Structure formats: C-alpha cells, structure tokens
Amino acid sequence: LRRLRQFCRISRKDAVKRRYTKKHEWVCVENNVGTVGITCFAQEALGDIVYVELPDVDSEIAAGDSVGAVESVKAASDIYSPVSGKVMEKNCEVEENPALINKSPYDEGWLFKLKLSKKEELNELMDEVAYNAFKKMDEENAH
C-alpha cells in the first residue's frame, strides 16, 4: 500500500491541468476534450476493483450525473461526471481489466472522454491544492 500511495503521488503528468470533484473524480482537459477518472484516494478506499460500468459513447451527460459504477471486492460506488458534455470514447481496456484503475488511476486507468459543452463548469471544480486540503479534511472527519 505504501508503494501504491507513493506511485499516486509521483504520477503527476497532468496534475496542473487536472480538476477534482468532492466525490473523488478527476477531469483533465485538452482541446475541449475532458478525460475523466477516479482519484487515487477513491481507488484506495474501494480496494481491488473487479468491475466497471462506463457510459455509452455519444451519450449526452450533465455535470453531477451518475454515469456508471465501479465495484470492488468490498464496495460499489457510482461514477459521477465532473462536467457536462458528449461522451467521445470510453476506456475499453478498463472494462476488460478493471484493476488498471488501482494500478494507474491517472494514466492507464482513465474511464471516459467527453467533449465539453460547458467549459465554465471547470471553475467549480478543485485544483490539486484545494483537493488535497479537502481530502485531508475528509480523512479527519472519517476518524
């Protein structure tokens, strides 16, 4: 687990551009296309992920919509879209091998990509500094 936490901290390829929700999803936007996934914190809380349900390509979704699910050996959790848009692609590799989310939540374990319809929604999401502060408060409240 310590190695996994270390990996999650080191994997910062797009951390500057990444935005986070209070439900522990992230979105990284490039050329008005957002790549969505769950955070390292979320995958650690879930444990070994065994099943993923992703939204269909061409689906129109709104920010905050439940668009899929992630199931582990100990829990299940809905996936909520951080932003509104049209699903352009889903990560079929993750559907075939859900453990990729545990292994690489910010790179190989992304969930889906969507063309943003309301780019201003990004302003309502947290940057990495704000998310880390939120996560720390969340952890303290859990104890």
N, C-alpha and C. Protein backbone atom coordinates (compact mmCIF):
# COMPACT_ATOMS: atom_id res chain seq x y z
N LEU A 1 0.83 -1.20 0.00
CA LEU A 1 0.00 0.00 0.00
C LEU A 1 0.87 1.25 0.00
N ARG A 2 1.97 1.23 0.74
CA ARG A 2 2.85 2.39 0.77
C ARG A 2 3.40 2.69 -0.62
N ARG A 3 3.79 1.62 -1.36
CA ARG A 3 4.29 1.80 -2.72
C ARG A 3 3.22 2.40 -3.62
N LEU A 4 1.97 1.95 -3.43
CA LEU A 4 0.87 2.46 -4.23
C LEU A 4 0.65 3.94 -3.95
N ARG A 5 0.66 4.33 -2.69
CA ARG A 5 0.50 5.75 -2.34
C ARG A 5 1.62 6.57 -2.96
N GLN A 6 2.82 6.03 -2.90
CA GLN A 6 3.97 6.72 -3.47
C GLN A 6 3.78 6.89 -4.98
N PHE A 7 3.31 5.85 -5.65
CA PHE A 7 3.07 5.92 -7.09
C PHE A 7 2.03 6.99 -7.39
N CYS A 8 0.97 7.04 -6.61
CA CYS A 8 -0.09 8.01 -6.87
C CYS A 8 0.43 9.43 -6.71
N ARG A 9 1.33 9.66 -5.79
CA ARG A 9 1.91 10.99 -5.62
C ARG A 9 2.85 11.33 -6.77
N ILE A 10 3.58 10.33 -7.24
CA ILE A 10 4.58 10.55 -8.28
C ILE A 10 3.90 10.78 -9.64
N SER A 11 2.78 10.13 -9.88
CA SER A 11 2.11 10.21 -11.18
C SER A 11 1.42 11.57 -11.35
N ARG A 12 2.19 12.57 -11.74
CA ARG A 12 1.68 13.94 -11.82
C ARG A 12 1.70 14.51 -13.23
N LYS A 13 1.70 13.64 -14.21
CA LYS A 13 1.83 14.07 -15.60
C LYS A 13 0.95 15.28 -15.94
N ASP A 14 -0.31 15.22 -15.58
CA ASP A 14 -1.24 16.29 -15.91
C ASP A 14 -1.83 16.94 -14.66
N ALA A 15 -1.14 16.81 -13.52
CA ALA A 15 -1.70 17.29 -12.26
C ALA A 15 -2.05 18.77 -12.30
N VAL A 16 -1.29 19.57 -13.02
CA VAL A 16 -1.55 21.00 -13.07
C VAL A 16 -2.89 21.28 -13.76
N LYS A 17 -3.20 20.52 -14.80
CA LYS A 17 -4.44 20.73 -15.54
C LYS A 17 -5.62 19.98 -14.95
N ARG A 18 -5.38 19.03 -14.06
CA ARG A 18 -6.42 18.18 -13.53
C ARG A 18 -7.31 18.96 -12.55
N ARG A 19 -8.62 18.71 -12.61
CA ARG A 19 -9.58 19.29 -11.67
C ARG A 19 -10.33 18.14 -11.01
N TYR A 20 -10.78 18.38 -9.77
CA TYR A 20 -11.34 17.31 -8.94
C TYR A 20 -12.72 17.67 -8.40
N THR A 21 -13.52 16.62 -8.13
CA THR A 21 -14.83 16.80 -7.51
C THR A 21 -14.75 16.35 -6.05
N LYS A 22 -15.78 16.70 -5.28
CA LYS A 22 -15.86 16.26 -3.88
C LYS A 22 -16.20 14.78 -3.79
N LYS A 23 -16.59 14.18 -4.89
CA LYS A 23 -16.88 12.74 -4.91
C LYS A 23 -15.68 11.94 -5.42
N HIS A 24 -14.54 12.62 -5.56
CA HIS A 24 -13.26 11.99 -5.89
C HIS A 24 -13.15 11.51 -7.34
N GLU A 25 -13.77 12.25 -8.26
CA GLU A 25 -13.50 12.06 -9.67
C GLU A 25 -12.56 13.17 -10.12
N TRP A 26 -11.86 12.95 -11.22
CA TRP A 26 -10.99 13.98 -11.78
C TRP A 26 -11.29 14.14 -13.27
N VAL A 27 -10.95 15.32 -13.78
CA VAL A 27 -11.04 15.57 -15.22
C VAL A 27 -9.81 16.37 -15.63
N CYS A 28 -9.24 16.00 -16.76
CA CYS A 28 -8.10 16.72 -17.33
C CYS A 28 -8.50 17.10 -18.75
N VAL A 29 -8.46 18.40 -19.05
CA VAL A 29 -8.98 18.89 -20.33
C VAL A 29 -7.85 19.31 -21.27
N GLU A 30 -7.98 18.86 -22.50
CA GLU A 30 -7.06 19.27 -23.56
C GLU A 30 -7.87 19.43 -24.84
N ASN A 31 -7.77 20.61 -25.45
CA ASN A 31 -8.51 20.90 -26.69
C ASN A 31 -10.01 20.66 -26.54
N ASN A 32 -10.57 21.08 -25.40
CA ASN A 32 -12.01 20.98 -25.10
C ASN A 32 -12.51 19.54 -24.95
N VAL A 33 -11.59 18.58 -24.80
CA VAL A 33 -11.96 17.19 -24.52
C VAL A 33 -11.46 16.85 -23.12
N GLY A 34 -12.39 16.41 -22.27
CA GLY A 34 -12.04 16.06 -20.90
C GLY A 34 -11.88 14.56 -20.74
N THR A 35 -10.77 14.16 -20.14
CA THR A 35 -10.56 12.76 -19.76
C THR A 35 -10.94 12.64 -18.30
N VAL A 36 -11.79 11.66 -17.97
CA VAL A 36 -12.36 11.52 -16.63
C VAL A 36 -11.89 10.22 -16.00
N GLY A 37 -11.66 10.26 -14.69
CA GLY A 37 -11.31 9.05 -13.94
C GLY A 37 -11.63 9.24 -12.48
N ILE A 38 -11.32 8.23 -11.68
CA ILE A 38 -11.45 8.37 -10.23
C ILE A 38 -10.05 8.59 -9.65
N THR A 39 -10.00 9.23 -8.51
CA THR A 39 -8.72 9.59 -7.92
C THR A 39 -8.04 8.41 -7.24
N CYS A 40 -6.78 8.60 -6.95
CA CYS A 40 -6.01 7.61 -6.21
C CYS A 40 -6.67 7.36 -4.85
N PHE A 41 -7.14 8.43 -4.21
CA PHE A 41 -7.83 8.33 -2.92
C PHE A 41 -9.04 7.40 -3.04
N ALA A 42 -9.83 7.59 -4.10
CA ALA A 42 -11.04 6.79 -4.30
C ALA A 42 -10.70 5.32 -4.53
N GLN A 43 -9.71 5.05 -5.37
CA GLN A 43 -9.38 3.64 -5.64
C GLN A 43 -8.79 2.97 -4.41
N GLU A 44 -8.06 3.73 -3.57
CA GLU A 44 -7.54 3.15 -2.32
C GLU A 44 -8.68 2.80 -1.38
N ALA A 45 -9.68 3.69 -1.31
CA ALA A 45 -10.83 3.46 -0.43
C ALA A 45 -11.64 2.25 -0.90
N LEU A 46 -11.77 2.08 -2.21
CA LEU A 46 -12.54 0.96 -2.75
C LEU A 46 -11.81 -0.38 -2.60
N GLY A 47 -10.50 -0.37 -2.71
CA GLY A 47 -9.75 -1.62 -2.71
C GLY A 47 -9.68 -2.20 -4.11
N ASP A 48 -9.47 -3.50 -4.22
CA ASP A 48 -9.28 -4.14 -5.53
C ASP A 48 -10.54 -4.04 -6.38
N ILE A 49 -10.46 -3.29 -7.47
CA ILE A 49 -11.61 -3.07 -8.34
C ILE A 49 -11.77 -4.27 -9.28
N VAL A 50 -13.00 -4.80 -9.33
CA VAL A 50 -13.26 -6.02 -10.10
C VAL A 50 -14.25 -5.81 -11.25
N TYR A 51 -14.96 -4.67 -11.26
CA TYR A 51 -15.96 -4.43 -12.30
C TYR A 51 -16.13 -2.93 -12.51
N VAL A 52 -16.29 -2.53 -13.78
CA VAL A 52 -16.52 -1.13 -14.12
C VAL A 52 -17.63 -1.05 -15.15
N GLU A 53 -18.57 -0.15 -14.93
CA GLU A 53 -19.61 0.14 -15.92
C GLU A 53 -19.41 1.58 -16.36
N LEU A 54 -19.23 1.79 -17.66
CA LEU A 54 -18.93 3.11 -18.20
C LEU A 54 -20.08 3.61 -19.07
N PRO A 55 -20.17 4.94 -19.26
CA PRO A 55 -21.24 5.48 -20.11
C PRO A 55 -21.02 5.11 -21.58
N ASP A 56 -22.11 5.06 -22.32
CA ASP A 56 -22.02 4.74 -23.75
C ASP A 56 -21.47 5.92 -24.53
N VAL A 57 -20.71 5.62 -25.57
CA VAL A 57 -20.22 6.64 -26.50
C VAL A 57 -21.44 7.33 -27.12
N ASP A 58 -21.33 8.63 -27.31
CA ASP A 58 -22.38 9.50 -27.86
C ASP A 58 -23.44 9.89 -26.82
N SER A 59 -23.33 9.41 -25.57
CA SER A 59 -24.26 9.84 -24.52
C SER A 59 -24.02 11.31 -24.21
N GLU A 60 -25.11 12.05 -24.02
CA GLU A 60 -25.03 13.43 -23.54
C GLU A 60 -25.21 13.37 -22.03
N ILE A 61 -24.24 13.90 -21.29
CA ILE A 61 -24.33 13.84 -19.83
C ILE A 61 -24.12 15.23 -19.24
N ALA A 62 -24.69 15.42 -18.06
CA ALA A 62 -24.57 16.70 -17.36
C ALA A 62 -23.65 16.53 -16.16
N ALA A 63 -23.03 17.61 -15.76
CA ALA A 63 -22.17 17.59 -14.57
C ALA A 63 -22.98 17.08 -13.39
N GLY A 64 -22.40 16.15 -12.64
CA GLY A 64 -23.06 15.60 -11.47
C GLY A 64 -23.90 14.37 -11.76
N ASP A 65 -24.13 14.06 -13.04
CA ASP A 65 -24.91 12.86 -13.39
C ASP A 65 -24.15 11.60 -12.99
N SER A 66 -24.90 10.61 -12.50
CA SER A 66 -24.33 9.28 -12.29
C SER A 66 -24.26 8.63 -13.67
N VAL A 67 -23.04 8.29 -14.10
CA VAL A 67 -22.84 7.81 -15.47
C VAL A 67 -22.30 6.39 -15.55
N GLY A 68 -22.09 5.76 -14.41
CA GLY A 68 -21.55 4.41 -14.40
C GLY A 68 -21.30 3.98 -12.97
N ALA A 69 -20.54 2.90 -12.83
CA ALA A 69 -20.26 2.37 -11.50
C ALA A 69 -18.91 1.68 -11.47
N VAL A 70 -18.33 1.64 -10.28
CA VAL A 70 -17.09 0.93 -10.02
C VAL A 70 -17.37 -0.01 -8.85
N GLU A 71 -17.04 -1.28 -9.01
CA GLU A 71 -17.26 -2.24 -7.93
C GLU A 71 -15.93 -2.89 -7.55
N SER A 72 -15.75 -3.04 -6.24
CA SER A 72 -14.56 -3.72 -5.74
C SER A 72 -15.01 -4.92 -4.92
N VAL A 73 -14.05 -5.62 -4.36
CA VAL A 73 -14.39 -6.79 -3.55
C VAL A 73 -15.11 -6.38 -2.26
N LYS A 74 -14.99 -5.09 -1.87
CA LYS A 74 -15.61 -4.67 -0.61
C LYS A 74 -16.66 -3.57 -0.74
N ALA A 75 -16.81 -2.95 -1.91
CA ALA A 75 -17.77 -1.85 -2.03
C ALA A 75 -18.12 -1.59 -3.49
N ALA A 76 -19.18 -0.82 -3.68
CA ALA A 76 -19.56 -0.34 -5.01
C ALA A 76 -19.77 1.15 -4.92
N SER A 77 -19.48 1.85 -5.99
CA SER A 77 -19.60 3.30 -5.99
C SER A 77 -20.04 3.78 -7.37
N ASP A 78 -20.95 4.75 -7.39
CA ASP A 78 -21.33 5.36 -8.66
C ASP A 78 -20.20 6.22 -9.17
N ILE A 79 -20.15 6.39 -10.48
CA ILE A 79 -19.22 7.33 -11.11
C ILE A 79 -20.06 8.54 -11.51
N TYR A 80 -19.63 9.72 -11.09
CA TYR A 80 -20.34 10.96 -11.42
C TYR A 80 -19.48 11.78 -12.37
N SER A 81 -20.12 12.35 -13.37
CA SER A 81 -19.36 13.16 -14.32
C SER A 81 -19.04 14.52 -13.72
N PRO A 82 -17.78 14.94 -13.76
CA PRO A 82 -17.40 16.24 -13.21
C PRO A 82 -17.89 17.42 -14.07
N VAL A 83 -18.13 17.16 -15.35
CA VAL A 83 -18.52 18.21 -16.29
C VAL A 83 -19.57 17.68 -17.27
N SER A 84 -20.23 18.61 -17.95
CA SER A 84 -21.23 18.26 -18.96
C SER A 84 -20.57 18.07 -20.32
N GLY A 85 -21.17 17.20 -21.13
CA GLY A 85 -20.66 17.03 -22.48
C GLY A 85 -21.17 15.76 -23.14
N LYS A 86 -20.58 15.46 -24.28
CA LYS A 86 -20.93 14.26 -25.06
C LYS A 86 -19.77 13.28 -24.99
N VAL A 87 -20.08 12.04 -24.59
CA VAL A 87 -19.04 11.01 -24.46
C VAL A 87 -18.49 10.69 -25.85
N MET A 88 -17.17 10.85 -25.98
CA MET A 88 -16.48 10.61 -27.25
C MET A 88 -15.84 9.21 -27.29
N GLU A 89 -15.44 8.74 -26.11
CA GLU A 89 -14.68 7.48 -26.04
C GLU A 89 -14.79 6.94 -24.63
N LYS A 90 -14.79 5.62 -24.51
CA LYS A 90 -14.68 5.01 -23.19
C LYS A 90 -13.48 4.07 -23.20
N ASN A 91 -12.92 3.86 -22.04
CA ASN A 91 -11.71 3.05 -21.93
C ASN A 91 -12.09 1.57 -21.86
N CYS A 92 -12.13 0.92 -23.01
CA CYS A 92 -12.50 -0.49 -23.09
C CYS A 92 -11.50 -1.38 -22.35
N GLU A 93 -10.24 -0.93 -22.28
CA GLU A 93 -9.21 -1.70 -21.55
C GLU A 93 -9.58 -1.83 -20.08
N VAL A 94 -10.14 -0.76 -19.51
CA VAL A 94 -10.54 -0.76 -18.10
C VAL A 94 -11.73 -1.70 -17.89
N GLU A 95 -12.63 -1.75 -18.88
CA GLU A 95 -13.76 -2.68 -18.77
C GLU A 95 -13.27 -4.12 -18.78
N GLU A 96 -12.25 -4.41 -19.58
CA GLU A 96 -11.68 -5.76 -19.65
C GLU A 96 -10.80 -6.07 -18.44
N ASN A 97 -10.11 -5.06 -17.94
CA ASN A 97 -9.16 -5.23 -16.84
C ASN A 97 -9.33 -4.09 -15.82
N PRO A 98 -10.37 -4.16 -14.97
CA PRO A 98 -10.67 -3.08 -14.03
C PRO A 98 -9.53 -2.76 -13.06
N ALA A 99 -8.63 -3.71 -12.84
CA ALA A 99 -7.50 -3.48 -11.92
C ALA A 99 -6.58 -2.37 -12.41
N LEU A 100 -6.69 -1.98 -13.69
CA LEU A 100 -5.89 -0.85 -14.20
C LEU A 100 -6.18 0.42 -13.41
N ILE A 101 -7.40 0.54 -12.89
CA ILE A 101 -7.75 1.73 -12.10
C ILE A 101 -6.92 1.75 -10.82
N ASN A 102 -6.75 0.59 -10.18
CA ASN A 102 -5.91 0.53 -8.99
C ASN A 102 -4.45 0.79 -9.33
N LYS A 103 -4.02 0.22 -10.44
CA LYS A 103 -2.61 0.30 -10.83
C LYS A 103 -2.22 1.71 -11.28
N SER A 104 -3.11 2.38 -12.01
CA SER A 104 -2.75 3.63 -12.67
C SER A 104 -3.98 4.53 -12.84
N PRO A 105 -4.52 5.08 -11.73
CA PRO A 105 -5.79 5.81 -11.81
C PRO A 105 -5.75 7.06 -12.68
N TYR A 106 -4.56 7.65 -12.88
CA TYR A 106 -4.47 8.89 -13.65
C TYR A 106 -3.96 8.69 -15.08
N ASP A 107 -3.49 7.52 -15.40
CA ASP A 107 -2.95 7.28 -16.73
C ASP A 107 -3.73 6.15 -17.43
N GLU A 108 -3.31 4.92 -17.28
CA GLU A 108 -3.97 3.79 -17.95
C GLU A 108 -5.40 3.57 -17.45
N GLY A 109 -5.69 4.00 -16.23
CA GLY A 109 -6.98 3.72 -15.60
C GLY A 109 -8.04 4.79 -15.81
N TRP A 110 -7.85 5.68 -16.79
CA TRP A 110 -8.90 6.68 -17.08
C TRP A 110 -10.18 5.94 -17.49
N LEU A 111 -11.33 6.62 -17.35
CA LEU A 111 -12.61 5.95 -17.60
C LEU A 111 -13.25 6.31 -18.93
N PHE A 112 -13.43 7.61 -19.18
CA PHE A 112 -14.05 8.02 -20.45
C PHE A 112 -13.61 9.43 -20.81
N LYS A 113 -13.84 9.78 -22.08
CA LYS A 113 -13.50 11.11 -22.58
C LYS A 113 -14.78 11.75 -23.11
N LEU A 114 -14.93 13.05 -22.85
CA LEU A 114 -16.10 13.73 -23.37
C LEU A 114 -15.74 15.10 -23.91
N LYS A 115 -16.50 15.52 -24.92
CA LYS A 115 -16.35 16.86 -25.48
C LYS A 115 -17.17 17.78 -24.59
N LEU A 116 -16.50 18.74 -23.96
CA LEU A 116 -17.17 19.62 -23.01
C LEU A 116 -18.20 20.50 -23.69
N SER A 117 -19.36 20.63 -23.05
CA SER A 117 -20.39 21.53 -23.58
C SER A 117 -20.47 22.81 -22.75
N LYS A 118 -19.93 22.78 -21.53
CA LYS A 118 -19.95 23.96 -20.66
C LYS A 118 -18.60 24.08 -19.96
N LYS A 119 -17.63 24.61 -20.67
CA LYS A 119 -16.26 24.69 -20.15
C LYS A 119 -16.18 25.46 -18.83
N GLU A 120 -17.11 26.40 -18.61
CA GLU A 120 -17.10 27.19 -17.38
C GLU A 120 -17.32 26.33 -16.13
N GLU A 121 -17.85 25.12 -16.28
CA GLU A 121 -18.04 24.22 -15.14
C GLU A 121 -16.70 23.85 -14.49
N LEU A 122 -15.62 23.93 -15.24
CA LEU A 122 -14.30 23.63 -14.69
C LEU A 122 -13.97 24.56 -13.53
N ASN A 123 -14.49 25.79 -13.56
CA ASN A 123 -14.23 26.76 -12.50
C ASN A 123 -14.84 26.34 -11.16
N GLU A 124 -15.83 25.44 -11.21
CA GLU A 124 -16.49 24.98 -9.99
C GLU A 124 -15.75 23.80 -9.35
N LEU A 125 -14.77 23.27 -10.04
CA LEU A 125 -14.02 22.12 -9.54
C LEU A 125 -12.75 22.57 -8.82
N MET A 126 -12.18 21.67 -8.03
CA MET A 126 -10.98 21.99 -7.25
C MET A 126 -9.71 21.71 -8.04
N ASP A 127 -8.69 22.56 -7.83
CA ASP A 127 -7.37 22.24 -8.35
C ASP A 127 -6.71 21.27 -7.37
N GLU A 128 -5.48 20.87 -7.65
CA GLU A 128 -4.83 19.85 -6.82
C GLU A 128 -4.63 20.30 -5.37
N VAL A 129 -4.26 21.56 -5.17
CA VAL A 129 -4.03 22.07 -3.81
C VAL A 129 -5.33 22.04 -3.01
N ALA A 130 -6.41 22.54 -3.62
CA ALA A 130 -7.71 22.56 -2.94
C ALA A 130 -8.20 21.13 -2.69
N TYR A 131 -8.00 20.24 -3.65
CA TYR A 131 -8.44 18.86 -3.49
C TYR A 131 -7.67 18.17 -2.36
N ASN A 132 -6.37 18.39 -2.28
CA ASN A 132 -5.59 17.78 -1.20
C ASN A 132 -6.05 18.27 0.16
N ALA A 133 -6.41 19.56 0.27
CA ALA A 133 -6.93 20.10 1.53
C ALA A 133 -8.29 19.47 1.84
N PHE A 134 -9.15 19.34 0.83
CA PHE A 134 -10.46 18.71 1.01
C PHE A 134 -10.31 17.26 1.46
N LYS A 135 -9.42 16.55 0.81
CA LYS A 135 -9.17 15.14 1.11
C LYS A 135 -8.70 14.97 2.55
N LYS A 136 -7.82 15.86 2.98
CA LYS A 136 -7.31 15.80 4.35
C LYS A 136 -8.45 16.01 5.35
N MET A 137 -9.33 16.99 5.07
CA MET A 137 -10.49 17.22 5.94
C MET A 137 -11.40 16.00 5.94
N ASP A 138 -11.61 15.42 4.77
CA ASP A 138 -12.46 14.24 4.62
C ASP A 138 -11.91 13.08 5.45
N GLU A 139 -10.59 12.88 5.40
CA GLU A 139 -9.95 11.80 6.17
C GLU A 139 -10.08 12.05 7.67
N GLU A 140 -9.91 13.31 8.09
CA GLU A 140 -10.02 13.64 9.51
C GLU A 140 -11.44 13.45 10.02
N ASN A 141 -12.43 13.79 9.20
CA ASN A 141 -13.83 13.63 9.60
C ASN A 141 -14.23 12.16 9.67
N ALA A 142 -13.54 11.31 8.95
CA ALA A 142 -13.84 9.88 8.95
C ALA A 142 -13.38 9.20 10.24
N HIS A 143 -12.46 9.85 10.95
CA HIS A 143 -11.91 9.22 12.17
C HIS A 143 -12.54 9.78 13.42
